[in-house]
Structure formats: C-alpha cells, structure tokens
Amino acid sequence: MRTMLKALSLSVAIAAPLGLALAKEPARNVSKERHPNLAAAQKLSVQAYEKLEAAQKANEYDMDGHAQKAKEMLKTVNDEIKLAAEAANKNAK
C-alpha cells in the first residue's frame, strides 16, 4: 500500500508540470461587436499571458513557479470575461 502511494505521488509530480506545459493560452472568444470592452479586456489578458511566456523563456523557466501561476490565473480571468459576456447576453433579451 505504501509503495503504491509513493508511486502515485511520483506519477502526479511528473505529470502535473507536463500538463501545465502543454496547456493552451486563453481563448479570445468574446464578440467585439457585442461586447467591445469585454473583448478588449480579453485581448489584454491574452497579451499578458504571452508576455509571461516570453519572460519564462528568457529566464529559462526559473521563476519559482510564479509566472506559471500567473498564467493559470489569466486563464481563469479569461473564462470569467467570457461568462460576463454570456450573462450580459442573457440580460439583454
């Protein structure tokens, strides 16, 4: 049982960073015609994500995980922007 737990922990420790490395950047999926401000905010979040990636590469990814965490937060921000646009669409009907 203990050996199985160690093996599982090792698998997660190896797989988690790989999954983060393969993650895509935030989508730009808010209509700029219907929601120009939200679309602009989404565009800026994508640009920030790209700048973080550039910083990671420039620093050989040695940023103690903070840049990766910021990228994950930007993906969350982007998802919330999309939800805000969907909520506005519902309220406009």
C-alpha atoms as a PDB file:
ATOM      1  CA  MET A   1       0.000   0.000   0.000  1.00  0.00           C
ATOM      2  CA  ARG A   2       2.752   2.414   0.925  1.00  0.00           C
ATOM      3  CA  THR A   3       4.693   1.629  -2.245  1.00  0.00           C
ATOM      4  CA  MET A   4       1.578   2.243  -4.333  1.00  0.00           C
ATOM      5  CA  LEU A   5       1.057   5.622  -2.676  1.00  0.00           C
ATOM      6  CA  LYS A   6       4.656   6.613  -3.369  1.00  0.00           C
ATOM      7  CA  ALA A   7       4.309   5.544  -7.000  1.00  0.00           C
ATOM      8  CA  LEU A   8       1.097   7.540  -7.368  1.00  0.00           C
ATOM      9  CA  SER A   9       2.696  10.617  -5.799  1.00  0.00           C
ATOM     10  CA  LEU A  10       5.675  10.335  -8.131  1.00  0.00           C
ATOM     11  CA  SER A  11       3.386   9.979 -11.157  1.00  0.00           C
ATOM     12  CA  VAL A  12       1.431  13.094 -10.208  1.00  0.00           C
ATOM     13  CA  ALA A  13       4.634  15.035  -9.532  1.00  0.00           C
ATOM     14  CA  ILE A  14       5.915  14.189 -13.003  1.00  0.00           C
ATOM     15  CA  ALA A  15       2.640  14.573 -14.902  1.00  0.00           C
ATOM     16  CA  ALA A  16       1.437  17.880 -13.405  1.00  0.00           C
ATOM     17  CA  PRO A  17       4.197  20.117 -14.813  1.00  0.00           C
ATOM     18  CA  LEU A  18       3.928  18.376 -18.175  1.00  0.00           C
ATOM     19  CA  GLY A  19       0.202  19.076 -18.288  1.00  0.00           C
ATOM     20  CA  LEU A  20       0.790  22.731 -17.491  1.00  0.00           C
ATOM     21  CA  ALA A  21       3.444  22.986 -20.185  1.00  0.00           C
ATOM     22  CA  LEU A  22       1.033  21.632 -22.792  1.00  0.00           C
ATOM     23  CA  ALA A  23      -1.842  23.917 -21.782  1.00  0.00           C
ATOM     24  CA  LYS A  24      -3.023  26.364 -24.407  1.00  0.00           C
ATOM     25  CA  GLU A  25      -3.156  30.109 -23.986  1.00  0.00           C
ATOM     26  CA  PRO A  26      -6.507  31.727 -23.155  1.00  0.00           C
ATOM     27  CA  ALA A  27      -9.039  31.840 -25.970  1.00  0.00           C
ATOM     28  CA  ARG A  28     -10.253  35.078 -27.474  1.00  0.00           C
ATOM     29  CA  ASN A  29     -13.915  34.210 -27.810  1.00  0.00           C
ATOM     30  CA  VAL A  30     -15.888  37.323 -26.840  1.00  0.00           C
ATOM     31  CA  SER A  31     -17.565  39.187 -29.682  1.00  0.00           C
ATOM     32  CA  LYS A  32     -16.018  42.630 -30.086  1.00  0.00           C
ATOM     33  CA  GLU A  33     -19.170  43.770 -31.878  1.00  0.00           C
ATOM     34  CA  ARG A  34     -21.490  42.880 -28.968  1.00  0.00           C
ATOM     35  CA  HIS A  35     -19.091  43.483 -26.067  1.00  0.00           C
ATOM     36  CA  PRO A  36     -16.234  45.784 -27.110  1.00  0.00           C
ATOM     37  CA  ASN A  37     -14.987  46.399 -23.568  1.00  0.00           C
ATOM     38  CA  LEU A  38     -15.022  42.733 -22.586  1.00  0.00           C
ATOM     39  CA  ALA A  39     -13.348  41.762 -25.865  1.00  0.00           C
ATOM     40  CA  ALA A  40     -10.646  44.369 -25.222  1.00  0.00           C
ATOM     41  CA  ALA A  41     -10.116  43.039 -21.700  1.00  0.00           C
ATOM     42  CA  GLN A  42      -9.846  39.512 -23.064  1.00  0.00           C
ATOM     43  CA  LYS A  43      -7.325  40.665 -25.674  1.00  0.00           C
ATOM     44  CA  LEU A  44      -5.207  42.274 -22.953  1.00  0.00           C
ATOM     45  CA  SER A  45      -5.309  39.116 -20.831  1.00  0.00           C
ATOM     46  CA  VAL A  46      -4.039  37.108 -23.817  1.00  0.00           C
ATOM     47  CA  GLN A  47      -1.255  39.648 -24.354  1.00  0.00           C
ATOM     48  CA  ALA A  48      -0.282  39.428 -20.673  1.00  0.00           C
ATOM     49  CA  TYR A  49      -0.206  35.633 -20.958  1.00  0.00           C
ATOM     50  CA  GLU A  50       2.104  35.884 -23.990  1.00  0.00           C
ATOM     51  CA  LYS A  51       4.431  38.282 -22.133  1.00  0.00           C
ATOM     52  CA  LEU A  52       4.608  35.857 -19.206  1.00  0.00           C
ATOM     53  CA  GLU A  53       5.562  33.075 -21.602  1.00  0.00           C
ATOM     54  CA  ALA A  54       8.298  35.262 -23.052  1.00  0.00           C
ATOM     55  CA  ALA A  55       9.561  36.053 -19.557  1.00  0.00           C
ATOM     56  CA  GLN A  56       9.603  32.357 -18.696  1.00  0.00           C
ATOM     57  CA  LYS A  57      11.647  31.540 -21.791  1.00  0.00           C
ATOM     58  CA  ALA A  58      14.033  34.441 -21.151  1.00  0.00           C
ATOM     59  CA  ASN A  59      14.589  33.220 -17.589  1.00  0.00           C
ATOM     60  CA  GLU A  60      14.793  29.549 -18.596  1.00  0.00           C
ATOM     61  CA  TYR A  61      11.565  28.899 -16.649  1.00  0.00           C
ATOM     62  CA  ASP A  62      13.397  29.568 -13.371  1.00  0.00           C
ATOM     63  CA  MET A  63      10.818  31.821 -11.711  1.00  0.00           C
ATOM     64  CA  ASP A  64       9.844  29.600  -8.774  1.00  0.00           C
ATOM     65  CA  GLY A  65       6.517  28.784 -10.425  1.00  0.00           C
ATOM     66  CA  HIS A  66       5.156  32.306 -10.057  1.00  0.00           C
ATOM     67  CA  ALA A  67       4.917  33.043 -13.779  1.00  0.00           C
ATOM     68  CA  GLN A  68       3.109  29.740 -14.341  1.00  0.00           C
ATOM     69  CA  LYS A  69       0.680  30.553 -11.538  1.00  0.00           C
ATOM     70  CA  ALA A  70       0.045  33.981 -13.078  1.00  0.00           C
ATOM     71  CA  LYS A  71      -0.651  32.310 -16.434  1.00  0.00           C
ATOM     72  CA  GLU A  72      -3.156  29.988 -14.800  1.00  0.00           C
ATOM     73  CA  MET A  73      -4.846  32.992 -13.176  1.00  0.00           C
ATOM     74  CA  LEU A  74      -5.049  34.736 -16.545  1.00  0.00           C
ATOM     75  CA  LYS A  75      -6.831  31.696 -17.972  1.00  0.00           C
ATOM     76  CA  THR A  76      -9.327  31.990 -15.115  1.00  0.00           C
ATOM     77  CA  VAL A  77      -9.715  35.717 -15.795  1.00  0.00           C
ATOM     78  CA  ASN A  78     -10.370  34.935 -19.439  1.00  0.00           C
ATOM     79  CA  ASP A  79     -13.026  32.360 -18.541  1.00  0.00           C
ATOM     80  CA  GLU A  80     -14.734  34.884 -16.257  1.00  0.00           C
ATOM     81  CA  ILE A  81     -14.726  37.501 -19.019  1.00  0.00           C
ATOM     82  CA  LYS A  82     -16.489  35.006 -21.283  1.00  0.00           C
ATOM     83  CA  LEU A  83     -19.038  34.272 -18.528  1.00  0.00           C
ATOM     84  CA  ALA A  84     -19.614  38.015 -18.092  1.00  0.00           C
ATOM     85  CA  ALA A  85     -20.366  38.331 -21.809  1.00  0.00           C
ATOM     86  CA  GLU A  86     -22.773  35.397 -21.631  1.00  0.00           C
ATOM     87  CA  ALA A  87     -24.513  36.949 -18.603  1.00  0.00           C
ATOM     88  CA  ALA A  88     -24.833  40.252 -20.454  1.00  0.00           C
ATOM     89  CA  ASN A  89     -26.337  38.399 -23.419  1.00  0.00           C
ATOM     90  CA  LYS A  90     -28.969  36.813 -21.147  1.00  0.00           C
ATOM     91  CA  ASN A  91     -29.803  40.160 -19.542  1.00  0.00           C
ATOM     92  CA  ALA A  92     -30.168  41.876 -22.915  1.00  0.00           C
ATOM     93  CA  LYS A  93     -33.002  39.590 -24.008  1.00  0.00           C
END
